[in-house]
Amino acid sequence: MYKNLLSIVPFALLLCLARQTTWDAPPEARKLKNKVSLTGEKIDGIARIYREKCVACHGESGKSNGSPSTTLSTEPADLTNAKVMNKIKDGELFWKISKGRAPMPGFEAELSETDRWQMVNYVRYLTKVSEYRYLGRRTPSR
């Protein structure tokens, strides 16, 4: 009886780990600091990159409502969820953009380090815009 139980436990543990949905960056990523600022002239360029690479899944406003988002194995992050996004450090976001996790590709080889930090800034901008809309205020200036 115990032999059967002992053979099932590792299999059940493996299933639980495979279904884990959290995506945590390594502790060293939390320590990375963003030294790139998002100014008016840079926001247009990074918005273009966001539209090319991210809108399909994350949606134009970052609401996780791109057209294929419902068919993906993992739901894209809702970048407008301030409660969640404000808990994530810039370094963690940079790491996730750089490394990716299926179905999201990593952009380390495709985008420069500066562009990836700009993308962190742009994601923060989308979160802030969403907060302002929620509060019924005007969109923050860029």
Protein backbone atom coordinates (compact mmCIF):
# COMPACT_ATOMS: atom_id res chain seq x y z
CA MET A 1 0.00 0.00 0.00
CA TYR A 2 2.72 2.50 0.95
CA LYS A 3 4.75 1.61 -2.16
CA ASN A 4 1.88 2.71 -4.38
CA LEU A 5 1.42 5.90 -2.39
CA LEU A 6 5.13 6.74 -2.59
CA SER A 7 5.10 6.35 -6.37
CA ILE A 8 2.08 8.66 -6.70
CA VAL A 9 3.41 11.52 -4.52
CA PRO A 10 6.29 12.57 -6.85
CA PHE A 11 3.93 12.45 -9.84
CA ALA A 12 1.34 14.62 -8.04
CA LEU A 13 4.06 17.07 -6.99
CA LEU A 14 5.26 17.30 -10.57
CA LEU A 15 1.72 18.06 -11.76
CA CYS A 16 1.35 20.81 -9.15
CA LEU A 17 4.65 22.41 -10.18
CA ALA A 18 3.74 22.20 -13.86
CA ARG A 19 0.48 24.06 -13.20
CA GLN A 20 2.19 26.81 -11.21
CA THR A 21 1.15 30.11 -12.75
CA THR A 22 3.32 32.64 -10.94
CA TRP A 23 6.21 34.11 -12.84
CA ASP A 24 8.85 35.34 -10.46
CA ALA A 25 12.05 37.00 -11.54
CA PRO A 26 15.22 35.93 -9.72
CA PRO A 27 16.15 37.96 -6.61
CA GLU A 28 19.05 39.70 -8.39
CA ALA A 29 16.60 41.15 -10.93
CA ARG A 30 14.83 43.06 -8.14
CA LYS A 31 18.06 44.98 -7.54
CA LEU A 32 18.43 46.24 -11.13
CA LYS A 33 17.86 49.99 -11.39
CA ASN A 34 16.33 51.80 -14.34
CA LYS A 35 18.55 54.72 -15.33
CA VAL A 36 16.60 55.53 -18.49
CA SER A 37 13.91 58.18 -18.43
CA LEU A 38 10.88 58.29 -20.67
CA THR A 39 10.62 61.69 -22.27
CA GLY A 40 8.20 62.99 -24.87
CA GLU A 41 10.44 62.29 -27.86
CA LYS A 42 11.27 58.76 -26.69
CA ILE A 43 7.71 57.71 -25.90
CA ASP A 44 6.68 57.74 -29.56
CA GLY A 45 9.49 55.37 -30.50
CA ILE A 46 8.86 52.93 -27.69
CA ALA A 47 5.08 53.11 -28.31
CA ARG A 48 5.77 52.01 -31.89
CA ILE A 49 7.82 49.05 -30.62
CA TYR A 50 5.05 48.20 -28.14
CA ARG A 51 2.50 48.22 -30.99
CA GLU A 52 4.73 45.96 -33.12
CA LYS A 53 5.68 43.45 -30.45
CA CYS A 54 3.18 43.58 -27.57
CA VAL A 55 -0.26 44.82 -28.66
CA ALA A 56 -1.31 41.50 -30.19
CA CYS A 57 -1.48 39.93 -26.73
CA HIS A 58 -1.44 42.77 -24.19
CA GLY A 59 -3.79 45.04 -26.15
CA GLU A 60 -3.42 48.69 -27.17
CA SER A 61 -3.97 49.97 -23.63
CA GLY A 62 -2.22 47.05 -21.89
CA LYS A 63 -5.49 45.52 -20.64
CA SER A 64 -4.53 41.98 -21.77
CA ASN A 65 -7.20 42.03 -24.45
CA GLY A 66 -5.28 41.53 -27.67
CA SER A 67 -6.98 39.32 -30.25
CA PRO A 68 -5.07 36.05 -29.58
CA SER A 69 -4.96 36.53 -25.79
CA THR A 70 -7.91 34.18 -25.22
CA THR A 71 -6.25 31.33 -27.14
CA LEU A 72 -2.87 31.46 -25.40
CA SER A 73 -1.78 28.83 -22.89
CA THR A 74 -1.03 31.58 -20.35
CA GLU A 75 -3.08 34.75 -20.06
CA PRO A 76 -0.99 37.86 -20.80
CA ALA A 77 -0.41 40.20 -17.90
CA ASP A 78 -2.90 43.01 -17.47
CA LEU A 79 -0.49 45.95 -17.51
CA THR A 80 -3.27 48.27 -16.35
CA ASN A 81 -3.76 46.46 -13.03
CA ALA A 82 -2.05 48.98 -10.75
CA LYS A 83 -2.51 46.82 -7.66
CA VAL A 84 -0.38 44.08 -9.24
CA MET A 85 1.96 46.19 -11.37
CA ASN A 86 2.97 48.48 -8.50
CA LYS A 87 4.30 45.46 -6.59
CA ILE A 88 6.70 44.56 -9.41
CA LYS A 89 10.09 46.29 -9.31
CA ASP A 90 11.48 47.83 -12.50
CA GLY A 91 14.31 45.28 -12.51
CA GLU A 92 11.84 42.39 -12.41
CA LEU A 93 9.88 43.85 -15.30
CA PHE A 94 13.10 44.39 -17.26
CA TRP A 95 14.09 40.76 -16.64
CA LYS A 96 10.70 39.47 -17.79
CA ILE A 97 10.80 41.58 -20.96
CA SER A 98 14.35 40.40 -21.61
CA LYS A 99 13.92 36.68 -20.90
CA GLY A 100 10.25 36.06 -21.71
CA ARG A 101 8.27 32.96 -20.82
CA ALA A 102 6.13 30.97 -23.22
CA PRO A 103 4.02 32.12 -24.90
CA MET A 104 5.72 35.53 -24.50
CA PRO A 105 9.05 35.72 -26.31
CA GLY A 106 12.11 37.23 -24.70
CA PHE A 107 13.41 40.41 -26.30
CA GLU A 108 17.01 40.36 -25.02
CA ALA A 109 18.47 39.61 -28.47
CA GLU A 110 15.95 41.72 -30.37
CA LEU A 111 15.82 44.99 -28.42
CA SER A 112 18.71 46.99 -27.04
CA GLU A 113 19.12 47.30 -23.29
CA THR A 114 17.97 50.93 -23.53
CA ASP A 115 14.86 49.92 -25.48
CA ARG A 116 14.01 47.27 -22.90
CA TRP A 117 14.33 49.83 -20.09
CA GLN A 118 12.18 52.18 -22.18
CA MET A 119 9.62 49.39 -22.43
CA VAL A 120 9.61 49.16 -18.63
CA ASN A 121 8.91 52.91 -18.57
CA TYR A 122 6.17 52.54 -21.16
CA VAL A 123 4.49 49.75 -19.19
CA ARG A 124 4.59 52.05 -16.14
CA TYR A 125 3.04 54.77 -18.28
CA LEU A 126 0.20 52.42 -19.34
CA THR A 127 -0.43 51.53 -15.70
CA LYS A 128 -0.51 55.19 -14.70
CA VAL A 129 -2.83 56.14 -17.57
CA SER A 130 -5.20 53.40 -16.44
CA GLU A 131 -5.13 54.64 -12.84
CA TYR A 132 -5.99 58.16 -13.97
CA ARG A 133 -8.88 56.89 -16.08
CA TYR A 134 -10.16 54.89 -13.12
CA LEU A 135 -10.04 57.97 -10.92
CA GLY A 136 -11.78 60.04 -13.61
CA ARG A 137 -8.82 62.34 -14.09
CA ARG A 138 -7.05 63.52 -17.17
CA THR A 139 -4.26 61.41 -18.58
CA PRO A 140 -0.90 62.26 -16.98
CA SER A 141 1.47 64.31 -19.10
CA ARG A 142 4.33 62.46 -20.70
